[in-house]
């Protein structure tokens, strides 16, 4: 059976990093080696650290727009799985490279990330993961109103919804929150 490119997506606070760290732990318990990556731009827990809001964390290699996942074949020797956090920051070329790693190197690649930004616009990495991944799964989260959360809302200092600005502004729960479509469009921040 061949390896696949997997994409697990969700809004904020759905437990994407927690699931990734649990998978890494499970591989480790079976004495299997995993390769962890996270976006260099995300340094909330420190550069090269994947951290869950529950407190679990692990060191990871970092990627940026210049990383070529096919240029380092030694990375994949003896690796049972590649796990990538913050996969929305991958480029189209990097998603294609990871798809090739799964197909050619026969190493499963599991990517975890957001599908859309605070304006409801797709991230480049997510768009191409949705196109190329052989296994796609939504991780569920709940809006403050109790409905299923599918959107990410950026907040200003007063807790109001922000509707314009740069696509990427790193921040945690004080800057963003998950929302259902109704709360997203109404601007309800509580």
N, C-alpha and C. Protein backbone atom coordinates (compact mmCIF):
# COMPACT_ATOMS: atom_id res chain seq x y z
N UNK A 1 0.85 -1.18 0.00
CA UNK A 1 0.00 0.00 0.00
C UNK A 1 0.89 1.24 0.00
N UNK A 2 0.60 2.18 -0.87
CA UNK A 2 1.41 3.37 -1.00
C UNK A 2 1.09 4.44 0.04
N UNK A 3 2.08 5.26 0.29
CA UNK A 3 1.90 6.38 1.22
C UNK A 3 1.02 7.44 0.58
N UNK A 4 0.42 8.27 1.42
CA UNK A 4 -0.48 9.31 0.94
C UNK A 4 -0.08 10.66 1.52
N UNK A 5 -0.56 11.70 0.85
CA UNK A 5 -0.53 13.05 1.38
C UNK A 5 -1.88 13.27 2.05
N UNK A 6 -1.84 13.60 3.33
CA UNK A 6 -3.05 13.82 4.13
C UNK A 6 -3.16 15.29 4.47
N UNK A 7 -4.39 15.80 4.55
CA UNK A 7 -4.61 17.16 5.01
C UNK A 7 -5.71 17.16 6.06
N UNK A 8 -5.37 17.63 7.25
CA UNK A 8 -6.32 17.80 8.35
C UNK A 8 -6.48 19.30 8.55
N UNK A 9 -7.69 19.81 8.33
CA UNK A 9 -7.91 21.25 8.43
C UNK A 9 -9.01 21.55 9.43
N UNK A 10 -8.98 22.77 9.93
CA UNK A 10 -10.01 23.23 10.86
C UNK A 10 -9.84 24.71 11.10
N UNK A 11 -10.80 25.28 11.80
CA UNK A 11 -10.64 26.64 12.28
C UNK A 11 -9.71 26.59 13.49
N UNK A 12 -9.45 27.73 14.06
CA UNK A 12 -8.62 27.80 15.26
C UNK A 12 -9.23 26.98 16.40
N UNK A 13 -8.38 26.61 17.33
CA UNK A 13 -8.80 25.95 18.58
C UNK A 13 -9.51 24.62 18.38
N UNK A 14 -9.23 23.95 17.29
CA UNK A 14 -9.86 22.65 17.04
C UNK A 14 -8.98 21.50 17.51
N UNK A 15 -7.73 21.79 17.84
CA UNK A 15 -6.84 20.73 18.31
C UNK A 15 -5.94 20.16 17.23
N UNK A 16 -5.66 20.92 16.19
CA UNK A 16 -4.81 20.43 15.10
C UNK A 16 -3.41 20.08 15.61
N UNK A 17 -2.79 20.98 16.34
CA UNK A 17 -1.43 20.72 16.85
C UNK A 17 -1.45 19.60 17.88
N UNK A 18 -2.50 19.53 18.67
CA UNK A 18 -2.63 18.45 19.66
C UNK A 18 -2.68 17.10 18.95
N UNK A 19 -3.46 17.00 17.88
CA UNK A 19 -3.53 15.74 17.14
C UNK A 19 -2.19 15.39 16.51
N UNK A 20 -1.52 16.40 15.93
CA UNK A 20 -0.22 16.16 15.33
C UNK A 20 0.76 15.62 16.38
N UNK A 21 0.80 16.25 17.53
CA UNK A 21 1.72 15.81 18.60
C UNK A 21 1.35 14.41 19.12
N UNK A 22 0.07 14.10 19.16
CA UNK A 22 -0.35 12.76 19.57
C UNK A 22 0.10 11.71 18.57
N UNK A 23 -0.01 12.02 17.29
CA UNK A 23 0.45 11.09 16.25
C UNK A 23 1.95 10.89 16.36
N UNK A 24 2.70 11.97 16.56
CA UNK A 24 4.16 11.86 16.73
C UNK A 24 4.48 10.99 17.93
N UNK A 25 3.77 11.18 19.01
CA UNK A 25 3.98 10.39 20.22
C UNK A 25 3.73 8.90 19.95
N UNK A 26 2.62 8.61 19.26
CA UNK A 26 2.28 7.22 18.96
C UNK A 26 3.35 6.55 18.11
N UNK A 27 3.87 7.25 17.11
CA UNK A 27 4.96 6.70 16.31
C UNK A 27 6.17 6.43 17.19
N UNK A 28 6.50 7.37 18.06
CA UNK A 28 7.65 7.21 18.95
C UNK A 28 7.50 6.02 19.88
N UNK A 29 6.30 5.78 20.35
CA UNK A 29 6.04 4.64 21.23
C UNK A 29 6.28 3.30 20.52
N UNK A 30 6.20 3.32 19.21
CA UNK A 30 6.46 2.13 18.40
C UNK A 30 7.89 2.13 17.85
N UNK A 31 8.75 2.98 18.43
CA UNK A 31 10.14 3.10 17.98
C UNK A 31 10.25 3.43 16.50
N UNK A 32 9.35 4.26 16.04
CA UNK A 32 9.37 4.71 14.65
C UNK A 32 9.69 6.19 14.63
N UNK A 33 10.49 6.58 13.66
CA UNK A 33 10.97 7.97 13.57
C UNK A 33 10.02 8.81 12.73
N UNK A 34 9.70 9.98 13.23
CA UNK A 34 8.89 10.95 12.48
C UNK A 34 9.72 12.21 12.28
N UNK A 35 9.36 12.95 11.26
CA UNK A 35 9.99 14.22 10.97
C UNK A 35 8.91 15.28 11.13
N UNK A 36 9.14 16.25 12.02
CA UNK A 36 8.17 17.30 12.29
C UNK A 36 8.66 18.62 11.71
N UNK A 37 7.73 19.34 11.08
CA UNK A 37 8.00 20.67 10.53
C UNK A 37 6.93 21.64 11.02
N UNK A 38 7.33 22.88 11.17
CA UNK A 38 6.38 23.96 11.42
C UNK A 38 6.86 25.19 10.67
N UNK A 39 5.98 26.12 10.46
CA UNK A 39 6.32 27.34 9.72
C UNK A 39 7.27 28.21 10.53
N UNK A 40 8.33 28.66 9.90
CA UNK A 40 9.31 29.54 10.56
C UNK A 40 8.65 30.83 11.03
N UNK A 41 7.62 31.27 10.35
CA UNK A 41 6.94 32.51 10.69
C UNK A 41 6.20 32.42 12.03
N UNK A 42 5.83 31.21 12.45
CA UNK A 42 5.07 31.02 13.69
C UNK A 42 6.05 30.78 14.84
N UNK A 43 6.26 31.79 15.64
CA UNK A 43 7.20 31.67 16.75
C UNK A 43 6.51 31.94 18.09
N UNK A 44 5.20 31.69 18.15
CA UNK A 44 4.46 31.93 19.40
C UNK A 44 5.02 31.12 20.56
N UNK A 45 5.44 29.89 20.31
CA UNK A 45 6.01 29.04 21.37
C UNK A 45 7.53 28.98 21.27
N UNK A 46 8.09 29.74 20.34
CA UNK A 46 9.53 29.71 20.08
C UNK A 46 9.74 29.20 18.67
N UNK A 47 10.85 29.58 18.06
CA UNK A 47 11.14 29.15 16.70
C UNK A 47 11.41 27.65 16.70
N UNK A 48 10.79 26.95 15.76
CA UNK A 48 11.01 25.51 15.65
C UNK A 48 10.36 24.72 16.77
N UNK A 49 9.22 25.18 17.25
CA UNK A 49 8.49 24.46 18.30
C UNK A 49 7.03 24.32 17.88
N UNK A 50 6.53 23.11 17.92
CA UNK A 50 5.11 22.86 17.73
C UNK A 50 4.52 22.75 19.12
N UNK A 51 3.55 23.60 19.42
CA UNK A 51 2.96 23.63 20.76
C UNK A 51 1.45 23.59 20.68
N UNK A 52 0.87 22.82 21.57
CA UNK A 52 -0.57 22.72 21.70
C UNK A 52 -1.03 23.67 22.81
N UNK A 53 -2.24 24.16 22.68
CA UNK A 53 -2.80 25.00 23.74
C UNK A 53 -2.98 24.19 25.03
N UNK A 54 -2.94 22.87 24.94
CA UNK A 54 -3.05 22.02 26.13
C UNK A 54 -1.72 21.90 26.87
N UNK A 55 -0.64 22.39 26.26
CA UNK A 55 0.66 22.37 26.93
C UNK A 55 1.68 21.42 26.33
N UNK A 56 1.26 20.48 25.53
CA UNK A 56 2.22 19.56 24.89
C UNK A 56 3.00 20.33 23.83
N UNK A 57 4.27 19.98 23.69
CA UNK A 57 5.08 20.61 22.64
C UNK A 57 6.22 19.70 22.24
N UNK A 58 6.80 20.03 21.08
CA UNK A 58 7.90 19.24 20.55
C UNK A 58 8.74 20.12 19.64
N UNK A 59 10.05 19.90 19.62
CA UNK A 59 10.88 20.63 18.65
C UNK A 59 10.56 20.16 17.24
N UNK A 60 10.78 21.04 16.29
CA UNK A 60 10.50 20.72 14.88
C UNK A 60 11.46 21.49 13.99
N UNK A 61 11.66 20.96 12.81
CA UNK A 61 12.35 21.71 11.77
C UNK A 61 11.41 22.80 11.29
N UNK A 62 11.95 23.87 10.73
CA UNK A 62 11.08 24.93 10.23
C UNK A 62 11.14 24.98 8.71
N UNK A 63 10.06 25.46 8.13
CA UNK A 63 10.03 25.71 6.69
C UNK A 63 9.63 27.15 6.45
N UNK A 64 10.11 27.69 5.34
CA UNK A 64 9.67 28.99 4.86
C UNK A 64 9.45 28.85 3.36
N UNK A 65 9.20 29.94 2.69
CA UNK A 65 8.87 29.89 1.26
C UNK A 65 10.02 29.32 0.41
N UNK A 66 11.24 29.35 0.91
CA UNK A 66 12.39 28.85 0.14
C UNK A 66 12.69 27.37 0.39
N UNK A 67 12.04 26.75 1.36
CA UNK A 67 12.30 25.35 1.66
C UNK A 67 11.88 24.47 0.48
N UNK A 68 12.78 23.57 0.10
CA UNK A 68 12.49 22.60 -0.96
C UNK A 68 12.47 21.22 -0.31
N UNK A 69 11.29 20.65 -0.19
CA UNK A 69 11.14 19.36 0.49
C UNK A 69 11.71 18.19 -0.31
N UNK A 70 11.98 18.38 -1.60
CA UNK A 70 12.56 17.32 -2.42
C UNK A 70 14.08 17.42 -2.48
N UNK A 71 14.66 18.54 -2.07
CA UNK A 71 16.10 18.75 -2.19
C UNK A 71 16.89 18.05 -1.09
N UNK A 72 16.22 17.50 -0.10
CA UNK A 72 16.90 16.86 1.04
C UNK A 72 16.47 15.40 1.17
N UNK A 73 16.84 14.53 0.22
CA UNK A 73 16.38 13.13 0.32
C UNK A 73 16.86 12.43 1.59
N UNK A 74 17.95 12.89 2.18
CA UNK A 74 18.44 12.26 3.42
C UNK A 74 17.45 12.46 4.57
N UNK A 75 16.60 13.50 4.47
CA UNK A 75 15.59 13.71 5.51
C UNK A 75 14.71 12.48 5.67
N UNK A 76 14.44 11.78 4.60
CA UNK A 76 13.41 10.74 4.61
C UNK A 76 13.95 9.34 4.91
N UNK A 77 15.26 9.19 5.01
CA UNK A 77 15.84 7.88 5.31
C UNK A 77 15.45 7.46 6.72
N UNK A 78 14.81 6.32 6.82
CA UNK A 78 14.40 5.79 8.11
C UNK A 78 13.24 6.51 8.75
N UNK A 79 12.55 7.38 8.01
CA UNK A 79 11.42 8.13 8.54
C UNK A 79 10.13 7.39 8.21
N UNK A 80 9.29 7.22 9.22
CA UNK A 80 8.01 6.54 9.03
C UNK A 80 6.88 7.47 8.64
N UNK A 81 7.02 8.76 8.98
CA UNK A 81 5.95 9.71 8.68
C UNK A 81 6.51 11.13 8.81
N UNK A 82 6.00 12.04 7.98
CA UNK A 82 6.32 13.46 8.07
C UNK A 82 5.06 14.18 8.53
N UNK A 83 5.20 14.99 9.57
CA UNK A 83 4.08 15.73 10.14
C UNK A 83 4.37 17.22 10.02
N UNK A 84 3.44 17.97 9.45
CA UNK A 84 3.64 19.39 9.19
C UNK A 84 2.52 20.20 9.84
N UNK A 85 2.92 21.09 10.75
CA UNK A 85 1.99 22.00 11.40
C UNK A 85 1.99 23.33 10.66
N UNK A 86 0.91 24.08 10.78
CA UNK A 86 0.77 25.38 10.12
C UNK A 86 0.93 25.24 8.59
N UNK A 87 0.34 24.19 8.04
CA UNK A 87 0.49 23.86 6.63
C UNK A 87 -0.13 24.89 5.69
N UNK A 88 -0.97 25.77 6.21
CA UNK A 88 -1.54 26.82 5.36
C UNK A 88 -0.46 27.72 4.80
N UNK A 89 0.73 27.76 5.45
CA UNK A 89 1.82 28.62 4.99
C UNK A 89 2.71 27.96 3.94
N UNK A 90 2.40 26.72 3.53
CA UNK A 90 3.13 26.09 2.44
C UNK A 90 2.81 26.81 1.13
N UNK A 91 3.75 26.75 0.20
CA UNK A 91 3.50 27.28 -1.13
C UNK A 91 2.93 26.17 -2.01
N UNK A 92 2.44 26.56 -3.18
CA UNK A 92 1.95 25.58 -4.15
C UNK A 92 3.05 24.58 -4.48
N UNK A 93 4.27 25.07 -4.75
CA UNK A 93 5.39 24.20 -5.10
C UNK A 93 5.70 23.23 -3.96
N UNK A 94 5.63 23.69 -2.72
CA UNK A 94 5.93 22.82 -1.59
C UNK A 94 4.88 21.73 -1.42
N UNK A 95 3.62 22.06 -1.65
CA UNK A 95 2.57 21.03 -1.59
C UNK A 95 2.84 19.98 -2.67
N UNK A 96 3.22 20.42 -3.86
CA UNK A 96 3.56 19.47 -4.93
C UNK A 96 4.76 18.61 -4.53
N UNK A 97 5.75 19.20 -3.90
CA UNK A 97 6.93 18.45 -3.44
C UNK A 97 6.53 17.41 -2.41
N UNK A 98 5.69 17.78 -1.46
CA UNK A 98 5.25 16.84 -0.43
C UNK A 98 4.40 15.71 -1.02
N UNK A 99 3.61 16.04 -2.02
CA UNK A 99 2.84 15.02 -2.72
C UNK A 99 3.79 14.01 -3.38
N UNK A 100 4.88 14.52 -3.95
CA UNK A 100 5.90 13.66 -4.56
C UNK A 100 6.62 12.82 -3.51
N UNK A 101 6.91 13.40 -2.35
CA UNK A 101 7.56 12.64 -1.28
C UNK A 101 6.71 11.43 -0.91
N UNK A 102 5.40 11.64 -0.77
CA UNK A 102 4.52 10.52 -0.44
C UNK A 102 4.50 9.48 -1.56
N UNK A 103 4.39 9.95 -2.80
CA UNK A 103 4.26 9.04 -3.94
C UNK A 103 5.57 8.35 -4.30
N UNK A 104 6.68 9.09 -4.31
CA UNK A 104 7.95 8.56 -4.79
C UNK A 104 8.78 7.93 -3.67
N UNK A 105 8.86 8.62 -2.52
CA UNK A 105 9.65 8.11 -1.39
C UNK A 105 8.85 7.14 -0.53
N UNK A 106 7.55 7.05 -0.77
CA UNK A 106 6.65 6.18 -0.02
C UNK A 106 6.66 6.50 1.48
N UNK A 107 6.70 7.80 1.78
CA UNK A 107 6.64 8.27 3.17
C UNK A 107 5.35 9.05 3.35
N UNK A 108 4.47 8.61 4.25
CA UNK A 108 3.24 9.36 4.48
C UNK A 108 3.54 10.78 4.96
N UNK A 109 2.78 11.75 4.46
CA UNK A 109 2.92 13.14 4.85
C UNK A 109 1.56 13.60 5.37
N UNK A 110 1.54 14.06 6.64
CA UNK A 110 0.31 14.54 7.24
C UNK A 110 0.46 16.02 7.53
N UNK A 111 -0.39 16.83 6.89
CA UNK A 111 -0.36 18.28 7.03
C UNK A 111 -1.57 18.75 7.84
N UNK A 112 -1.33 19.66 8.76
CA UNK A 112 -2.37 20.21 9.62
C UNK A 112 -2.37 21.73 9.47
N UNK A 113 -3.55 22.31 9.23
CA UNK A 113 -3.57 23.76 9.09
C UNK A 113 -4.96 24.32 8.92
N UNK A 114 -4.96 25.63 8.77
CA UNK A 114 -6.18 26.38 8.51
C UNK A 114 -6.54 26.30 7.03
N UNK A 115 -7.81 26.39 6.73
CA UNK A 115 -8.25 26.43 5.35
C UNK A 115 -8.33 27.87 4.85
N UNK A 116 -8.85 28.77 5.68
CA UNK A 116 -9.05 30.15 5.28
C UNK A 116 -8.50 31.13 6.31
N UNK A 117 -8.31 32.37 5.87
CA UNK A 117 -7.80 33.42 6.74
C UNK A 117 -8.95 34.16 7.42
N UNK A 118 -8.65 35.28 8.06
CA UNK A 118 -9.63 36.06 8.82
C UNK A 118 -10.64 36.77 7.92
N UNK A 119 -10.40 36.80 6.60
CA UNK A 119 -11.35 37.40 5.67
C UNK A 119 -12.17 36.34 4.92
N UNK A 120 -11.95 35.09 5.26
CA UNK A 120 -12.63 34.00 4.56
C UNK A 120 -11.96 33.62 3.26
N UNK A 121 -10.75 34.13 3.03
CA UNK A 121 -9.98 33.83 1.81
C UNK A 121 -9.10 32.61 2.04
N UNK A 122 -8.97 31.75 1.03
CA UNK A 122 -8.13 30.55 1.21
C UNK A 122 -6.65 30.90 1.27
N UNK A 123 -5.93 30.13 2.08
CA UNK A 123 -4.48 30.21 2.08
C UNK A 123 -3.95 29.40 0.90
N UNK A 124 -2.82 29.80 0.34
CA UNK A 124 -2.23 29.09 -0.80
C UNK A 124 -1.98 27.62 -0.48
N UNK A 125 -1.36 27.36 0.65
CA UNK A 125 -1.06 25.98 1.02
C UNK A 125 -2.32 25.14 1.14
N UNK A 126 -3.33 25.68 1.79
CA UNK A 126 -4.58 24.94 1.97
C UNK A 126 -5.25 24.65 0.64
N UNK A 127 -5.25 25.63 -0.24
CA UNK A 127 -5.88 25.46 -1.56
C UNK A 127 -5.26 24.27 -2.29
N UNK A 128 -3.95 24.20 -2.28
CA UNK A 128 -3.27 23.14 -3.02
C UNK A 128 -3.28 21.81 -2.28
N UNK A 129 -3.35 21.84 -0.95
CA UNK A 129 -3.54 20.59 -0.21
C UNK A 129 -4.93 20.02 -0.49
N UNK A 130 -5.94 20.88 -0.56
CA UNK A 130 -7.28 20.39 -0.89
C UNK A 130 -7.32 19.79 -2.29
N UNK A 131 -6.46 20.29 -3.19
CA UNK A 131 -6.41 19.77 -4.56
C UNK A 131 -5.64 18.46 -4.66
N UNK A 132 -4.55 18.31 -3.91
CA UNK A 132 -3.65 17.17 -4.10
C UNK A 132 -3.72 16.07 -3.04
N UNK A 133 -4.16 16.39 -1.84
CA UNK A 133 -4.17 15.38 -0.78
C UNK A 133 -5.11 14.23 -1.14
N UNK A 134 -4.64 13.02 -0.88
CA UNK A 134 -5.47 11.83 -1.12
C UNK A 134 -6.42 11.56 0.04
N UNK A 135 -6.12 12.14 1.18
CA UNK A 135 -6.96 11.96 2.36
C UNK A 135 -7.16 13.33 3.01
N UNK A 136 -8.41 13.79 3.04
CA UNK A 136 -8.74 15.11 3.58
C UNK A 136 -9.76 14.92 4.69
N UNK A 137 -9.49 15.58 5.83
CA UNK A 137 -10.38 15.42 6.97
C UNK A 137 -10.53 16.75 7.70
N UNK A 138 -11.77 17.09 8.01
CA UNK A 138 -12.03 18.28 8.80
C UNK A 138 -12.01 17.90 10.28
N UNK A 139 -11.34 18.72 11.08
CA UNK A 139 -11.35 18.56 12.52
C UNK A 139 -12.37 19.57 13.04
N UNK A 140 -13.31 19.13 13.83
CA UNK A 140 -14.41 19.98 14.25
C UNK A 140 -14.02 20.88 15.43
N UNK A 141 -14.59 22.09 15.41
CA UNK A 141 -14.46 23.05 16.51
C UNK A 141 -15.82 23.72 16.69
N UNK A 142 -15.98 24.37 17.83
CA UNK A 142 -17.27 24.98 18.17
C UNK A 142 -17.09 26.49 18.34
N UNK A 143 -18.01 27.25 17.78
CA UNK A 143 -18.08 28.70 17.94
C UNK A 143 -18.58 29.02 19.36
N UNK A 144 -18.33 30.22 19.82
CA UNK A 144 -18.81 30.64 21.14
C UNK A 144 -20.33 30.55 21.25
N UNK A 145 -21.04 30.65 20.11
CA UNK A 145 -22.51 30.57 20.13
C UNK A 145 -23.01 29.12 20.18
N UNK A 146 -22.10 28.15 20.01
CA UNK A 146 -22.49 26.75 20.07
C UNK A 146 -22.58 26.05 18.72
N UNK A 147 -22.55 26.82 17.64
CA UNK A 147 -22.59 26.22 16.30
C UNK A 147 -21.19 25.72 15.91
N UNK A 148 -21.16 24.92 14.84
CA UNK A 148 -19.89 24.43 14.31
C UNK A 148 -19.08 25.61 13.78
N UNK A 149 -17.82 25.67 14.18
CA UNK A 149 -16.92 26.73 13.75
C UNK A 149 -16.24 26.33 12.44
N UNK A 150 -16.30 27.22 11.46
CA UNK A 150 -15.62 26.97 10.18
C UNK A 150 -14.76 28.15 9.74
N UNK A 151 -14.81 29.25 10.48
CA UNK A 151 -14.13 30.48 10.09
C UNK A 151 -13.17 30.92 11.20
N UNK A 152 -12.26 31.85 10.83
CA UNK A 152 -11.31 32.42 11.77
C UNK A 152 -11.51 33.93 11.78
N UNK A 153 -11.72 34.49 12.94
CA UNK A 153 -12.01 35.91 13.07
C UNK A 153 -10.81 36.62 13.73
N UNK A 154 -10.30 37.66 13.08
CA UNK A 154 -9.25 38.48 13.69
C UNK A 154 -9.93 39.58 14.50
N UNK A 155 -9.38 39.84 15.68
CA UNK A 155 -9.95 40.84 16.58
C UNK A 155 -8.98 41.99 16.80
N UNK A 156 -9.54 43.19 17.01
CA UNK A 156 -8.70 44.33 17.37
C UNK A 156 -8.53 44.36 18.89
N UNK A 157 -7.89 45.39 19.40
CA UNK A 157 -7.60 45.49 20.83
C UNK A 157 -8.87 45.56 21.69
N UNK A 158 -9.98 46.01 21.10
CA UNK A 158 -11.25 46.09 21.83
C UNK A 158 -12.11 44.85 21.63
N UNK A 159 -11.59 43.86 20.92
CA UNK A 159 -12.33 42.62 20.70
C UNK A 159 -13.32 42.68 19.56
N UNK A 160 -13.18 43.66 18.67
CA UNK A 160 -14.07 43.77 17.51
C UNK A 160 -13.44 43.08 16.30
N UNK A 161 -14.30 42.59 15.41
CA UNK A 161 -13.83 41.90 14.21
C UNK A 161 -13.09 42.86 13.29
N UNK A 162 -11.92 42.41 12.81
CA UNK A 162 -11.13 43.14 11.83
C UNK A 162 -11.44 42.53 10.47
N UNK A 163 -11.68 43.38 9.45
CA UNK A 163 -12.06 42.86 8.13
C UNK A 163 -11.07 43.19 7.03
N UNK A 164 -9.98 43.88 7.36
CA UNK A 164 -8.98 44.22 6.35
C UNK A 164 -7.59 44.16 6.98
N UNK A 165 -6.59 43.97 6.12
CA UNK A 165 -5.21 43.93 6.59
C UNK A 165 -4.44 42.82 5.92
N UNK A 166 -3.18 42.68 6.31
CA UNK A 166 -2.34 41.62 5.77
C UNK A 166 -2.92 40.25 6.09
N UNK A 167 -2.76 39.30 5.17
CA UNK A 167 -3.30 37.97 5.40
C UNK A 167 -2.70 37.33 6.63
N UNK A 168 -1.42 37.53 6.85
CA UNK A 168 -0.73 36.86 7.95
C UNK A 168 -0.37 37.88 9.02
N UNK A 169 -0.86 37.64 10.21
CA UNK A 169 -0.51 38.38 11.41
C UNK A 169 -0.55 37.35 12.53
N UNK A 170 0.61 36.90 12.94
CA UNK A 170 0.67 35.81 13.92
C UNK A 170 0.13 36.30 15.26
N UNK A 171 -0.71 35.48 15.85
CA UNK A 171 -1.26 35.79 17.17
C UNK A 171 -2.09 34.63 17.66
N UNK A 172 -2.33 34.60 18.91
CA UNK A 172 -3.10 33.50 19.50
C UNK A 172 -4.53 33.91 19.80
N UNK A 173 -5.04 33.40 20.91
CA UNK A 173 -6.43 33.63 21.27
C UNK A 173 -6.75 35.09 21.52
N UNK A 174 -5.76 35.92 21.89
CA UNK A 174 -6.03 37.33 22.11
C UNK A 174 -6.23 38.07 20.79
N UNK A 175 -5.75 37.53 19.67
CA UNK A 175 -5.83 38.19 18.37
C UNK A 175 -6.88 37.54 17.46
N UNK A 176 -7.16 36.26 17.65
CA UNK A 176 -8.07 35.52 16.78
C UNK A 176 -9.02 34.67 17.62
N UNK A 177 -10.11 34.30 16.99
CA UNK A 177 -10.99 33.27 17.56
C UNK A 177 -11.73 32.57 16.44
N UNK A 178 -12.15 31.36 16.72
CA UNK A 178 -12.92 30.60 15.76
C UNK A 178 -14.36 31.09 15.78
N UNK A 179 -15.05 30.95 14.64
CA UNK A 179 -16.44 31.42 14.56
C UNK A 179 -17.21 30.58 13.55
N UNK A 180 -18.51 30.48 13.76
CA UNK A 180 -19.38 29.91 12.75
C UNK A 180 -19.59 30.99 11.68
N UNK A 181 -20.15 30.63 10.56
CA UNK A 181 -20.36 31.59 9.49
C UNK A 181 -21.28 32.74 9.93
N UNK A 182 -22.31 32.44 10.69
CA UNK A 182 -23.24 33.49 11.14
C UNK A 182 -22.52 34.53 11.99
N UNK A 183 -21.74 34.09 12.97
CA UNK A 183 -21.00 35.03 13.84
C UNK A 183 -19.90 35.74 13.05
N UNK A 184 -19.28 35.04 12.11
CA UNK A 184 -18.23 35.65 11.29
C UNK A 184 -18.79 36.84 10.52
N UNK A 185 -19.92 36.64 9.84
CA UNK A 185 -20.48 37.71 9.00
C UNK A 185 -21.16 38.80 9.82
N UNK A 186 -21.66 38.46 10.98
CA UNK A 186 -22.30 39.48 11.83
C UNK A 186 -21.26 40.25 12.64
N UNK A 187 -20.05 39.70 12.73
CA UNK A 187 -18.99 40.37 13.50
C UNK A 187 -19.09 40.11 14.98
N UNK A 188 -19.92 39.16 15.39
CA UNK A 188 -20.06 38.85 16.82
C UNK A 188 -18.75 38.27 17.34
N UNK A 189 -18.17 38.91 18.33
CA UNK A 189 -16.88 38.47 18.84
C UNK A 189 -17.01 37.76 20.18
N UNK A 190 -18.20 37.55 20.68
CA UNK A 190 -18.36 36.85 21.96
C UNK A 190 -19.25 35.66 21.80
